[in-house]
Amino acid sequence: MISDQQIETIRLQLVEQLTETQQRLEQDAQLFKDKEDSGDDVDRANQEESQQLQLNRRQHDIAHVKSIKDALRRIEEQDYGFCEGCGEDISVARLNARPESRYCIDCQDYRERKNSQYA
């Protein structure tokens, strides 16, 4: 079981990650506003590829913000560290590695195997 001190350490890490990710999203939004289409076909193709990569990262960052906020909510509600699948404690090692984790290793593995069957 995770201690209150460990939870506080993780909470501070989550707040830092949230701030960094939100700042990156704001910077990316400004970059999209400042983009100009110019140059030849090769330049435009390179710009489009770069924009697609930025959009993919932005989508990932948006999802990450959501999962961080969800973890912070669980901490606030004193429901942090419990698996949403089986209700058991999530290992401290897993929470240190992935503080936004909602599932223990076994339940996460099961979910991934189940999802891969339908992919």
PDB file of N, CA and C in Angstrom:
ATOM      1  N   MET A   1       0.853  -1.185   0.000  1.00  0.00           N
ATOM      2  CA  MET A   1       0.000   0.000   0.000  1.00  0.00           C
ATOM      3  C   MET A   1       0.895   1.243   0.000  1.00  0.00           C
ATOM      4  N   ILE A   2       0.459   2.225  -0.727  1.00  0.00           N
ATOM      5  CA  ILE A   2       1.228   3.449  -0.889  1.00  0.00           C
ATOM      6  C   ILE A   2       0.996   4.373   0.320  1.00  0.00           C
ATOM      7  N   SER A   3       2.066   5.004   0.774  1.00  0.00           N
ATOM      8  CA  SER A   3       1.977   5.886   1.939  1.00  0.00           C
ATOM      9  C   SER A   3       1.524   7.283   1.521  1.00  0.00           C
ATOM     10  N   ASP A   4       1.088   8.055   2.512  1.00  0.00           N
ATOM     11  CA  ASP A   4       0.671   9.434   2.252  1.00  0.00           C
ATOM     12  C   ASP A   4       1.833  10.259   1.701  1.00  0.00           C
ATOM     13  N   GLN A   5       3.032  10.025   2.207  1.00  0.00           N
ATOM     14  CA  GLN A   5       4.207  10.764   1.736  1.00  0.00           C
ATOM     15  C   GLN A   5       4.506  10.413   0.272  1.00  0.00           C
ATOM     16  N   GLN A   6       4.386   9.142  -0.086  1.00  0.00           N
ATOM     17  CA  GLN A   6       4.601   8.735  -1.479  1.00  0.00           C
ATOM     18  C   GLN A   6       3.545   9.354  -2.386  1.00  0.00           C
ATOM     19  N   ILE A   7       2.316   9.402  -1.910  1.00  0.00           N
ATOM     20  CA  ILE A   7       1.241  10.020  -2.696  1.00  0.00           C
ATOM     21  C   ILE A   7       1.530  11.499  -2.912  1.00  0.00           C
ATOM     22  N   GLU A   8       1.999  12.187  -1.879  1.00  0.00           N
ATOM     23  CA  GLU A   8       2.303  13.613  -2.011  1.00  0.00           C
ATOM     24  C   GLU A   8       3.434  13.829  -3.013  1.00  0.00           C
ATOM     25  N   THR A   9       4.450  12.982  -2.974  1.00  0.00           N
ATOM     26  CA  THR A   9       5.551  13.077  -3.938  1.00  0.00           C
ATOM     27  C   THR A   9       5.026  12.897  -5.355  1.00  0.00           C
ATOM     28  N   ILE A  10       4.177  11.913  -5.551  1.00  0.00           N
ATOM     29  CA  ILE A  10       3.592  11.657  -6.869  1.00  0.00           C
ATOM     30  C   ILE A  10       2.687  12.815  -7.279  1.00  0.00           C
ATOM     31  N   ARG A  11       1.923  13.356  -6.346  1.00  0.00           N
ATOM     32  CA  ARG A  11       1.037  14.487  -6.654  1.00  0.00           C
ATOM     33  C   ARG A  11       1.852  15.670  -7.186  1.00  0.00           C
ATOM     34  N   LEU A  12       2.979  15.949  -6.539  1.00  0.00           N
ATOM     35  CA  LEU A  12       3.836  17.049  -6.992  1.00  0.00           C
ATOM     36  C   LEU A  12       4.399  16.775  -8.388  1.00  0.00           C
ATOM     37  N   GLN A  13       4.761  15.519  -8.655  1.00  0.00           N
ATOM     38  CA  GLN A  13       5.248  15.149  -9.994  1.00  0.00           C
ATOM     39  C   GLN A  13       4.142  15.339 -11.029  1.00  0.00           C
ATOM     40  N   LEU A  14       2.935  14.941 -10.678  1.00  0.00           N
ATOM     41  CA  LEU A  14       1.807  15.085 -11.601  1.00  0.00           C
ATOM     42  C   LEU A  14       1.514  16.554 -11.895  1.00  0.00           C
ATOM     43  N   VAL A  15       1.569  17.396 -10.881  1.00  0.00           N
ATOM     44  CA  VAL A  15       1.335  18.828 -11.072  1.00  0.00           C
ATOM     45  C   VAL A  15       2.404  19.404 -12.002  1.00  0.00           C
ATOM     46  N   GLU A  16       3.649  18.987 -11.809  1.00  0.00           N
ATOM     47  CA  GLU A  16       4.738  19.458 -12.674  1.00  0.00           C
ATOM     48  C   GLU A  16       4.534  18.990 -14.115  1.00  0.00           C
ATOM     49  N   GLN A  17       4.168  17.710 -14.282  1.00  0.00           N
ATOM     50  CA  GLN A  17       3.906  17.174 -15.625  1.00  0.00           C
ATOM     51  C   GLN A  17       2.747  17.916 -16.284  1.00  0.00           C
ATOM     52  N   LEU A  18       1.712  18.203 -15.512  1.00  0.00           N
ATOM     53  CA  LEU A  18       0.548  18.911 -16.039  1.00  0.00           C
ATOM     54  C   LEU A  18       0.943  20.299 -16.527  1.00  0.00           C
ATOM     55  N   THR A  19       1.713  21.003 -15.724  1.00  0.00           N
ATOM     56  CA  THR A  19       2.156  22.350 -16.104  1.00  0.00           C
ATOM     57  C   THR A  19       2.987  22.310 -17.381  1.00  0.00           C
ATOM     58  N   GLU A  20       3.951  21.392 -17.434  1.00  0.00           N
ATOM     59  CA  GLU A  20       4.815  21.282 -18.608  1.00  0.00           C
ATOM     60  C   GLU A  20       4.018  20.936 -19.861  1.00  0.00           C
ATOM     61  N   THR A  21       3.106  20.001 -19.740  1.00  0.00           N
ATOM     62  CA  THR A  21       2.314  19.561 -20.896  1.00  0.00           C
ATOM     63  C   THR A  21       1.383  20.672 -21.372  1.00  0.00           C
ATOM     64  N   GLN A  22       0.759  21.373 -20.448  1.00  0.00           N
ATOM     65  CA  GLN A  22      -0.126  22.470 -20.834  1.00  0.00           C
ATOM     66  C   GLN A  22       0.660  23.605 -21.497  1.00  0.00           C
ATOM     67  N   GLN A  23       1.860  23.884 -21.003  1.00  0.00           N
ATOM     68  CA  GLN A  23       2.693  24.911 -21.633  1.00  0.00           C
ATOM     69  C   GLN A  23       3.075  24.502 -23.053  1.00  0.00           C
ATOM     70  N   ARG A  24       3.417  23.222 -23.241  1.00  0.00           N
ATOM     71  CA  ARG A  24       3.765  22.736 -24.583  1.00  0.00           C
ATOM     72  C   ARG A  24       2.564  22.852 -25.524  1.00  0.00           C
ATOM     73  N   LEU A  25       1.372  22.552 -25.021  1.00  0.00           N
ATOM     74  CA  LEU A  25       0.163  22.680 -25.837  1.00  0.00           C
ATOM     75  C   LEU A  25      -0.067  24.132 -26.238  1.00  0.00           C
ATOM     76  N   GLU A  26       0.149  25.057 -25.325  1.00  0.00           N
ATOM     77  CA  GLU A  26      -0.013  26.473 -25.639  1.00  0.00           C
ATOM     78  C   GLU A  26       1.013  26.925 -26.681  1.00  0.00           C
ATOM     79  N   GLN A  27       2.261  26.465 -26.530  1.00  0.00           N
ATOM     80  CA  GLN A  27       3.300  26.820 -27.499  1.00  0.00           C
ATOM     81  C   GLN A  27       2.976  26.258 -28.875  1.00  0.00           C
ATOM     82  N   ASP A  28       2.514  25.014 -28.911  1.00  0.00           N
ATOM     83  CA  ASP A  28       2.145  24.393 -30.186  1.00  0.00           C
ATOM     84  C   ASP A  28       0.989  25.136 -30.845  1.00  0.00           C
ATOM     85  N   ALA A  29       0.027  25.561 -30.051  1.00  0.00           N
ATOM     86  CA  ALA A  29      -1.108  26.302 -30.603  1.00  0.00           C
ATOM     87  C   ALA A  29      -0.620  27.596 -31.251  1.00  0.00           C
ATOM     88  N   GLN A  30       0.325  28.246 -30.618  1.00  0.00           N
ATOM     89  CA  GLN A  30       0.878  29.480 -31.184  1.00  0.00           C
ATOM     90  C   GLN A  30       1.644  29.181 -32.471  1.00  0.00           C
ATOM     91  N   LEU A  31       2.383  28.075 -32.502  1.00  0.00           N
ATOM     92  CA  LEU A  31       3.115  27.704 -33.711  1.00  0.00           C
ATOM     93  C   LEU A  31       2.173  27.474 -34.884  1.00  0.00           C
ATOM     94  N   PHE A  32       1.025  26.836 -34.630  1.00  0.00           N
ATOM     95  CA  PHE A  32       0.066  26.594 -35.700  1.00  0.00           C
ATOM     96  C   PHE A  32      -0.491  27.906 -36.236  1.00  0.00           C
ATOM     97  N   LYS A  33      -0.674  28.880 -35.357  1.00  0.00           N
ATOM     98  CA  LYS A  33      -1.179  30.177 -35.799  1.00  0.00           C
ATOM     99  C   LYS A  33      -0.156  30.901 -36.662  1.00  0.00           C
ATOM    100  N   ASP A  34       1.118  30.717 -36.335  1.00  0.00           N
ATOM    101  CA  ASP A  34       2.196  31.448 -37.003  1.00  0.00           C
ATOM    102  C   ASP A  34       2.668  30.797 -38.306  1.00  0.00           C
ATOM    103  N   LYS A  35       2.183  29.616 -38.633  1.00  0.00           N
ATOM    104  CA  LYS A  35       2.638  28.905 -39.838  1.00  0.00           C
ATOM    105  C   LYS A  35       2.169  29.613 -41.090  1.00  0.00           C
ATOM    106  N   GLU A  36       3.067  29.651 -42.074  1.00  0.00           N
ATOM    107  CA  GLU A  36       2.721  30.198 -43.381  1.00  0.00           C
ATOM    108  C   GLU A  36       2.984  29.126 -44.431  1.00  0.00           C
ATOM    109  N   ASP A  37       2.129  29.067 -45.406  1.00  0.00           N
ATOM    110  CA  ASP A  37       2.394  28.199 -46.551  1.00  0.00           C
ATOM    111  C   ASP A  37       3.274  28.973 -47.517  1.00  0.00           C
ATOM    112  N   SER A  38       4.427  28.428 -47.786  1.00  0.00           N
ATOM    113  CA  SER A  38       5.324  29.083 -48.731  1.00  0.00           C
ATOM    114  C   SER A  38       6.228  28.032 -49.343  1.00  0.00           C
ATOM    115  N   GLY A  39       6.874  28.415 -50.413  1.00  0.00           N
ATOM    116  CA  GLY A  39       7.830  27.526 -51.047  1.00  0.00           C
ATOM    117  C   GLY A  39       7.216  26.645 -52.099  1.00  0.00           C
ATOM    118  N   ASP A  40       8.034  25.735 -52.565  1.00  0.00           N
ATOM    119  CA  ASP A  40       7.610  24.831 -53.625  1.00  0.00           C
ATOM    120  C   ASP A  40       6.876  23.625 -53.052  1.00  0.00           C
ATOM    121  N   ASP A  41       6.584  22.659 -53.921  1.00  0.00           N
ATOM    122  CA  ASP A  41       5.837  21.472 -53.507  1.00  0.00           C
ATOM    123  C   ASP A  41       6.574  20.673 -52.426  1.00  0.00           C
ATOM    124  N   VAL A  42       7.882  20.576 -52.548  1.00  0.00           N
ATOM    125  CA  VAL A  42       8.673  19.826 -51.565  1.00  0.00           C
ATOM    126  C   VAL A  42       8.590  20.510 -50.205  1.00  0.00           C
ATOM    127  N   ASP A  43       8.703  21.829 -50.191  1.00  0.00           N
ATOM    128  CA  ASP A  43       8.599  22.582 -48.935  1.00  0.00           C
ATOM    129  C   ASP A  43       7.224  22.389 -48.294  1.00  0.00           C
ATOM    130  N   ARG A  44       6.182  22.456 -49.111  1.00  0.00           N
ATOM    131  CA  ARG A  44       4.826  22.280 -48.582  1.00  0.00           C
ATOM    132  C   ARG A  44       4.624  20.862 -48.064  1.00  0.00           C
ATOM    133  N   ALA A  45       5.179  19.878 -48.757  1.00  0.00           N
ATOM    134  CA  ALA A  45       5.069  18.488 -48.297  1.00  0.00           C
ATOM    135  C   ALA A  45       5.783  18.313 -46.957  1.00  0.00           C
ATOM    136  N   ASN A  46       6.953  18.916 -46.830  1.00  0.00           N
ATOM    137  CA  ASN A  46       7.680  18.848 -45.567  1.00  0.00           C
ATOM    138  C   ASN A  46       6.899  19.539 -44.450  1.00  0.00           C
ATOM    139  N   GLN A  47       6.283  20.675 -44.774  1.00  0.00           N
ATOM    140  CA  GLN A  47       5.472  21.394 -43.791  1.00  0.00           C
ATOM    141  C   GLN A  47       4.274  20.555 -43.348  1.00  0.00           C
ATOM    142  N   GLU A  48       3.629  19.898 -44.311  1.00  0.00           N
ATOM    143  CA  GLU A  48       2.474  19.066 -43.990  1.00  0.00           C
ATOM    144  C   GLU A  48       2.877  17.887 -43.105  1.00  0.00           C
ATOM    145  N   GLU A  49       3.998  17.272 -43.410  1.00  0.00           N
ATOM    146  CA  GLU A  49       4.478  16.155 -42.593  1.00  0.00           C
ATOM    147  C   GLU A  49       4.801  16.631 -41.179  1.00  0.00           C
ATOM    148  N   SER A  50       5.455  17.763 -41.072  1.00  0.00           N
ATOM    149  CA  SER A  50       5.788  18.333 -39.769  1.00  0.00           C
ATOM    150  C   SER A  50       4.521  18.669 -38.986  1.00  0.00           C
ATOM    151  N   GLN A  51       3.537  19.237 -39.672  1.00  0.00           N
ATOM    152  CA  GLN A  51       2.281  19.568 -39.009  1.00  0.00           C
ATOM    153  C   GLN A  51       1.560  18.313 -38.528  1.00  0.00           C
ATOM    154  N   GLN A  52       1.617  17.239 -39.318  1.00  0.00           N
ATOM    155  CA  GLN A  52       0.966  15.997 -38.913  1.00  0.00           C
ATOM    156  C   GLN A  52       1.633  15.423 -37.661  1.00  0.00           C
ATOM    157  N   LEU A  53       2.956  15.473 -37.620  1.00  0.00           N
ATOM    158  CA  LEU A  53       3.674  15.009 -36.431  1.00  0.00           C
ATOM    159  C   LEU A  53       3.300  15.863 -35.218  1.00  0.00           C
ATOM    160  N   GLN A  54       3.202  17.167 -35.411  1.00  0.00           N
ATOM    161  CA  GLN A  54       2.818  18.055 -34.316  1.00  0.00           C
ATOM    162  C   GLN A  54       1.385  17.775 -33.858  1.00  0.00           C
ATOM    163  N   LEU A  55       0.494  17.493 -34.801  1.00  0.00           N
ATOM    164  CA  LEU A  55      -0.881  17.163 -34.446  1.00  0.00           C
ATOM    165  C   LEU A  55      -0.940  15.863 -33.645  1.00  0.00           C
ATOM    166  N   ASN A  56      -0.155  14.880 -34.053  1.00  0.00           N
ATOM    167  CA  ASN A  56      -0.118  13.614 -33.319  1.00  0.00           C
ATOM    168  C   ASN A  56       0.379  13.832 -31.889  1.00  0.00           C
ATOM    169  N   ARG A  57       1.452  14.632 -31.748  1.00  0.00           N
ATOM    170  CA  ARG A  57       1.977  14.912 -30.417  1.00  0.00           C
ATOM    171  C   ARG A  57       0.949  15.690 -29.603  1.00  0.00           C
ATOM    172  N   ARG A  58       0.269  16.614 -30.257  1.00  0.00           N
ATOM    173  CA  ARG A  58      -0.751  17.409 -29.571  1.00  0.00           C
ATOM    174  C   ARG A  58      -1.885  16.520 -29.066  1.00  0.00           C
ATOM    175  N   GLN A  59      -2.329  15.582 -29.879  1.00  0.00           N
ATOM    176  CA  GLN A  59      -3.381  14.660 -29.447  1.00  0.00           C
ATOM    177  C   GLN A  59      -2.913  13.822 -28.256  1.00  0.00           C
ATOM    178  N   HIS A  60      -1.669  13.381 -28.314  1.00  0.00           N
ATOM    179  CA  HIS A  60      -1.102  12.626 -27.193  1.00  0.00           C
ATOM    180  C   HIS A  60      -1.059  13.494 -25.944  1.00  0.00           C
ATOM    181  N   ASP A  61      -0.623  14.740 -26.086  1.00  0.00           N
ATOM    182  CA  ASP A  61      -0.536  15.647 -24.947  1.00  0.00           C
ATOM    183  C   ASP A  61      -1.910  15.937 -24.348  1.00  0.00           C
ATOM    184  N   ILE A  62      -2.912  16.095 -25.185  1.00  0.00           N
ATOM    185  CA  ILE A  62      -4.272  16.339 -24.698  1.00  0.00           C
ATOM    186  C   ILE A  62      -4.765  15.149 -23.883  1.00  0.00           C
ATOM    187  N   ALA A  63      -4.515  13.954 -24.382  1.00  0.00           N
ATOM    188  CA  ALA A  63      -4.901  12.740 -23.645  1.00  0.00           C
ATOM    189  C   ALA A  63      -4.117  12.636 -22.332  1.00  0.00           C
ATOM    190  N   HIS A  64      -2.845  13.021 -22.372  1.00  0.00           N
ATOM    191  CA  HIS A  64      -2.017  12.965 -21.166  1.00  0.00           C
ATOM    192  C   HIS A  64      -2.517  13.956 -20.119  1.00  0.00           C
ATOM    193  N   VAL A  65      -2.910  15.151 -20.533  1.00  0.00           N
ATOM    194  CA  VAL A  65      -3.475  16.130 -19.601  1.00  0.00           C
ATOM    195  C   VAL A  65      -4.714  15.542 -18.930  1.00  0.00           C
ATOM    196  N   LYS A  66      -5.561  14.903 -19.708  1.00  0.00           N
ATOM    197  CA  LYS A  66      -6.780  14.295 -19.161  1.00  0.00           C
ATOM    198  C   LYS A  66      -6.439  13.225 -18.124  1.00  0.00           C
ATOM    199  N   SER A  67      -5.456  12.370 -18.424  1.00  0.00           N
ATOM    200  CA  SER A  67      -5.107  11.301 -17.482  1.00  0.00           C
ATOM    201  C   SER A  67      -4.436  11.852 -16.222  1.00  0.00           C
ATOM    202  N   ILE A  68      -3.661  12.925 -16.367  1.00  0.00           N
ATOM    203  CA  ILE A  68      -3.043  13.555 -15.196  1.00  0.00           C
ATOM    204  C   ILE A  68      -4.122  14.170 -14.311  1.00  0.00           C
ATOM    205  N   LYS A  69      -5.058  14.897 -14.923  1.00  0.00           N
ATOM    206  CA  LYS A  69      -6.138  15.511 -14.150  1.00  0.00           C
ATOM    207  C   LYS A  69      -6.974  14.442 -13.449  1.00  0.00           C
ATOM    208  N   ASP A  70      -7.180  13.314 -14.123  1.00  0.00           N
ATOM    209  CA  ASP A  70      -7.932  12.218 -13.522  1.00  0.00           C
ATOM    210  C   ASP A  70      -7.174  11.661 -12.307  1.00  0.00           C
ATOM    211  N   ALA A  71      -5.858  11.502 -12.430  1.00  0.00           N
ATOM    212  CA  ALA A  71      -5.053  11.006 -11.307  1.00  0.00           C
ATOM    213  C   ALA A  71      -5.095  11.997 -10.149  1.00  0.00           C
ATOM    214  N   LEU A  72      -4.994  13.287 -10.443  1.00  0.00           N
ATOM    215  CA  LEU A  72      -5.060  14.302  -9.386  1.00  0.00           C
ATOM    216  C   LEU A  72      -6.428  14.289  -8.702  1.00  0.00           C
ATOM    217  N   ARG A  73      -7.474  14.058  -9.481  1.00  0.00           N
ATOM    218  CA  ARG A  73      -8.823  13.945  -8.903  1.00  0.00           C
ATOM    219  C   ARG A  73      -8.904  12.752  -7.961  1.00  0.00           C
ATOM    220  N   ARG A  74      -8.328  11.621  -8.376  1.00  0.00           N
ATOM    221  CA  ARG A  74      -8.342  10.424  -7.528  1.00  0.00           C
ATOM    222  C   ARG A  74      -7.563  10.663  -6.232  1.00  0.00           C
ATOM    223  N   ILE A  75      -6.459  11.401  -6.328  1.00  0.00           N
ATOM    224  CA  ILE A  75      -5.703  11.739  -5.118  1.00  0.00           C
ATOM    225  C   ILE A  75      -6.573  12.593  -4.205  1.00  0.00           C
ATOM    226  N   GLU A  76      -7.207  13.611  -4.767  1.00  0.00           N
ATOM    227  CA  GLU A  76      -8.067  14.513  -4.000  1.00  0.00           C
ATOM    228  C   GLU A  76      -9.194  13.740  -3.314  1.00  0.00           C
ATOM    229  N   GLU A  77      -9.748  12.770  -4.007  1.00  0.00           N
ATOM    230  CA  GLU A  77     -10.869  11.989  -3.471  1.00  0.00           C
ATOM    231  C   GLU A  77     -10.396  10.808  -2.627  1.00  0.00           C
ATOM    232  N   GLN A  78      -9.100  10.722  -2.403  1.00  0.00           N
ATOM    233  CA  GLN A  78      -8.477   9.645  -1.633  1.00  0.00           C
ATOM    234  C   GLN A  78      -8.805   8.262  -2.200  1.00  0.00           C
ATOM    235  N   ASP A  79      -8.849   8.211  -3.516  1.00  0.00           N
ATOM    236  CA  ASP A  79      -9.132   6.960  -4.215  1.00  0.00           C
ATOM    237  C   ASP A  79      -7.939   6.556  -5.082  1.00  0.00           C
ATOM    238  N   TYR A  80      -6.799   7.204  -4.861  1.00  0.00           N
ATOM    239  CA  TYR A  80      -5.608   6.980  -5.682  1.00  0.00           C
ATOM    240  C   TYR A  80      -4.890   5.711  -5.237  1.00  0.00           C
ATOM    241  N   GLY A  81      -4.382   4.986  -6.220  1.00  0.00           N
ATOM    242  CA  GLY A  81      -3.573   3.805  -5.930  1.00  0.00           C
ATOM    243  C   GLY A  81      -4.346   2.507  -5.929  1.00  0.00           C
ATOM    244  N   PHE A  82      -5.628   2.577  -6.224  1.00  0.00           N
ATOM    245  CA  PHE A  82      -6.454   1.376  -6.283  1.00  0.00           C
ATOM    246  C   PHE A  82      -6.828   1.095  -7.735  1.00  0.00           C
ATOM    247  N   CYS A  83      -6.724  -0.155  -8.121  1.00  0.00           N
ATOM    248  CA  CYS A  83      -7.025  -0.569  -9.488  1.00  0.00           C
ATOM    249  C   CYS A  83      -8.515  -0.417  -9.773  1.00  0.00           C
ATOM    250  N   GLU A  84      -8.834   0.205 -10.902  1.00  0.00           N
ATOM    251  CA  GLU A  84     -10.231   0.365 -11.295  1.00  0.00           C
ATOM    252  C   GLU A  84     -10.822  -0.928 -11.849  1.00  0.00           C
ATOM    253  N   GLY A  85      -9.957  -1.910 -12.087  1.00  0.00           N
ATOM    254  CA  GLY A  85     -10.443  -3.192 -12.598  1.00  0.00           C
ATOM    255  C   GLY A  85     -10.804  -4.174 -11.502  1.00  0.00           C
ATOM    256  N   CYS A  86      -9.890  -4.339 -10.538  1.00  0.00           N
ATOM    257  CA  CYS A  86     -10.091  -5.355  -9.504  1.00  0.00           C
ATOM    258  C   CYS A  86     -10.202  -4.769  -8.100  1.00  0.00           C
ATOM    259  N   GLY A  87      -9.876  -3.498  -7.944  1.00  0.00           N
ATOM    260  CA  GLY A  87      -9.980  -2.858  -6.638  1.00  0.00           C
ATOM    261  C   GLY A  87      -8.769  -3.054  -5.737  1.00  0.00           C
ATOM    262  N   GLU A  88      -7.819  -3.849  -6.190  1.00  0.00           N
ATOM    263  CA  GLU A  88      -6.607  -4.089  -5.384  1.00  0.00           C
ATOM    264  C   GLU A  88      -5.662  -2.892  -5.495  1.00  0.00           C
ATOM    265  N   ASP A  89      -4.669  -2.860  -4.595  1.00  0.00           N
ATOM    266  CA  ASP A  89      -3.651  -1.812  -4.654  1.00  0.00           C
ATOM    267  C   ASP A  89      -2.836  -1.938  -5.937  1.00  0.00           C
ATOM    268  N   ILE A  90      -2.535  -0.803  -6.540  1.00  0.00           N
ATOM    269  CA  ILE A  90      -1.578  -0.761  -7.649  1.00  0.00           C
ATOM    270  C   ILE A  90      -0.201  -0.674  -7.008  1.00  0.00           C
ATOM    271  N   SER A  91       0.754  -1.428  -7.512  1.00  0.00           N
ATOM    272  CA  SER A  91       2.078  -1.450  -6.890  1.00  0.00           C
ATOM    273  C   SER A  91       2.710  -0.062  -6.900  1.00  0.00           C
ATOM    274  N   VAL A  92       3.476   0.223  -5.847  1.00  0.00           N
ATOM    275  CA  VAL A  92       4.161   1.510  -5.741  1.00  0.00           C
ATOM    276  C   VAL A  92       5.123   1.680  -6.908  1.00  0.00           C
ATOM    277  N   ALA A  93       5.782   0.602  -7.298  1.00  0.00           N
ATOM    278  CA  ALA A  93       6.718   0.678  -8.430  1.00  0.00           C
ATOM    279  C   ALA A  93       5.995   1.116  -9.699  1.00  0.00           C
ATOM    280  N   ARG A  94       4.812   0.587  -9.936  1.00  0.00           N
ATOM    281  CA  ARG A  94       4.042   0.976 -11.125  1.00  0.00           C
ATOM    282  C   ARG A  94       3.610   2.440 -11.025  1.00  0.00           C
ATOM    283  N   LEU A  95       3.157   2.856  -9.857  1.00  0.00           N
ATOM    284  CA  LEU A  95       2.721   4.240  -9.685  1.00  0.00           C
ATOM    285  C   LEU A  95       3.894   5.209  -9.822  1.00  0.00           C
ATOM    286  N   ASN A  96       5.076   4.801  -9.390  1.00  0.00           N
ATOM    287  CA  ASN A  96       6.256   5.646  -9.570  1.00  0.00           C
ATOM    288  C   ASN A  96       6.627   5.757 -11.047  1.00  0.00           C
ATOM    289  N   ALA A  97       6.471   4.657 -11.767  1.00  0.00           N
ATOM    290  CA  ALA A  97       6.812   4.654 -13.196  1.00  0.00           C
ATOM    291  C   ALA A  97       5.740   5.355 -14.030  1.00  0.00           C
ATOM    292  N   ARG A  98       4.487   5.108 -13.708  1.00  0.00           N
ATOM    293  CA  ARG A  98       3.345   5.692 -14.437  1.00  0.00           C
ATOM    294  C   ARG A  98       2.341   6.210 -13.418  1.00  0.00           C
ATOM    295  N   PRO A  99       2.572   7.404 -12.883  1.00  0.00           N
ATOM    296  CA  PRO A  99       1.724   7.896 -11.794  1.00  0.00           C
ATOM    297  C   PRO A  99       0.250   8.061 -12.155  1.00  0.00           C
ATOM    298  N   GLU A 100      -0.058   8.111 -13.433  1.00  0.00           N
ATOM    299  CA  GLU A 100      -1.463   8.260 -13.825  1.00  0.00           C
ATOM    300  C   GLU A 100      -2.160   6.911 -14.009  1.00  0.00           C
ATOM    301  N   SER A 101      -1.477   5.817 -13.680  1.00  0.00           N
ATOM    302  CA  SER A 101      -2.031   4.473 -13.869  1.00  0.00           C
ATOM    303  C   SER A 101      -3.363   4.297 -13.151  1.00  0.00           C
ATOM    304  N   ARG A 102      -4.305   3.697 -13.857  1.00  0.00           N
ATOM    305  CA  ARG A 102      -5.627   3.406 -13.300  1.00  0.00           C
ATOM    306  C   ARG A 102      -5.801   1.926 -12.999  1.00  0.00           C
ATOM    307  N   TYR A 103      -4.894   1.110 -13.546  1.00  0.00           N
ATOM    308  CA  TYR A 103      -5.028  -0.330 -13.411  1.00  0.00           C
ATOM    309  C   TYR A 103      -3.727  -0.952 -12.922  1.00  0.00           C
ATOM    310  N   CYS A 104      -3.840  -2.037 -12.162  1.00  0.00           N
ATOM    311  CA  CYS A 104      -2.664  -2.803 -11.774  1.00  0.00           C
ATOM    312  C   CYS A 104      -2.108  -3.482 -13.034  1.00  0.00           C
ATOM    313  N   ILE A 105      -0.928  -4.034 -12.907  1.00  0.00           N
ATOM    314  CA  ILE A 105      -0.280  -4.672 -14.069  1.00  0.00           C
ATOM    315  C   ILE A 105      -1.154  -5.770 -14.657  1.00  0.00           C
ATOM    316  N   ASP A 106      -1.709  -6.627 -13.810  1.00  0.00           N
ATOM    317  CA  ASP A 106      -2.514  -7.752 -14.313  1.00  0.00           C
ATOM    318  C   ASP A 106      -3.747  -7.275 -15.079  1.00  0.00           C
ATOM    319  N   CYS A 107      -4.459  -6.292 -14.530  1.00  0.00           N
ATOM    320  CA  CYS A 107      -5.658  -5.783 -15.209  1.00  0.00           C
ATOM    321  C   CYS A 107      -5.297  -5.027 -16.481  1.00  0.00           C
ATOM    322  N   GLN A 108      -4.198  -4.283 -16.445  1.00  0.00           N
ATOM    323  CA  GLN A 108      -3.768  -3.562 -17.651  1.00  0.00           C
ATOM    324  C   GLN A 108      -3.387  -4.552 -18.747  1.00  0.00           C
ATOM    325  N   ASP A 109      -2.666  -5.597 -18.367  1.00  0.00           N
ATOM    326  CA  ASP A 109      -2.282  -6.626 -19.331  1.00  0.00           C
ATOM    327  C   ASP A 109      -3.527  -7.275 -19.937  1.00  0.00           C
ATOM    328  N   TYR A 110      -4.502  -7.585 -19.104  1.00  0.00           N
ATOM    329  CA  TYR A 110      -5.745  -8.180 -19.582  1.00  0.00           C
ATOM    330  C   TYR A 110      -6.452  -7.242 -20.561  1.00  0.00           C
ATOM    331  N   ARG A 111      -6.536  -5.962 -20.221  1.00  0.00           N
ATOM    332  CA  ARG A 111      -7.191  -4.973 -21.094  1.00  0.00           C
ATOM    333  C   ARG A 111      -6.485  -4.877 -22.447  1.00  0.00           C
ATOM    334  N   GLU A 112      -5.149  -4.874 -22.414  1.00  0.00           N
ATOM    335  CA  GLU A 112      -4.397  -4.775 -23.670  1.00  0.00           C
ATOM    336  C   GLU A 112      -4.577  -6.019 -24.527  1.00  0.00           C
ATOM    337  N   ARG A 113      -4.564  -7.191 -23.905  1.00  0.00           N
ATOM    338  CA  ARG A 113      -4.786  -8.417 -24.679  1.00  0.00           C
ATOM    339  C   ARG A 113      -6.192  -8.450 -25.254  1.00  0.00           C
ATOM    340  N   LYS A 114      -7.165  -8.021 -24.472  1.00  0.00           N
ATOM    341  CA  LYS A 114      -8.560  -7.993 -24.937  1.00  0.00           C
ATOM    342  C   LYS A 114      -8.708  -7.011 -26.100  1.00  0.00           C
ATOM    343  N   ASN A 115      -8.113  -5.840 -25.978  1.00  0.00           N
ATOM    344  CA  ASN A 115      -8.207  -4.840 -27.046  1.00  0.00           C
ATOM    345  C   ASN A 115      -7.486  -5.289 -28.312  1.00  0.00           C
ATOM    346  N   SER A 116      -6.389  -6.018 -28.162  1.00  0.00           N
ATOM    347  CA  SER A 116      -5.649  -6.478 -29.348  1.00  0.00           C
ATOM    348  C   SER A 116      -6.412  -7.542 -30.118  1.00  0.00           C
ATOM    349  N   GLN A 117      -7.302  -8.255 -29.443  1.00  0.00           N
ATOM    350  CA  GLN A 117      -8.124  -9.242 -30.123  1.00  0.00           C
ATOM    351  C   GLN A 117      -9.108  -8.580 -31.085  1.00  0.00           C
ATOM    352  N   TYR A 118      -9.516  -7.360 -30.747  1.00  0.00           N
ATOM    353  CA  TYR A 118     -10.521  -6.661 -31.554  1.00  0.00           C
ATOM    354  C   TYR A 118      -9.900  -5.704 -32.564  1.00  0.00           C
ATOM    355  N   ALA A 119      -8.581  -5.580 -32.511  1.00  0.00           N
ATOM    356  CA  ALA A 119      -7.899  -4.640 -33.425  1.00  0.00           C
ATOM    357  C   ALA A 119      -7.692  -5.239 -34.798  1.00  0.00           C
TER     358      ALA A 119
END
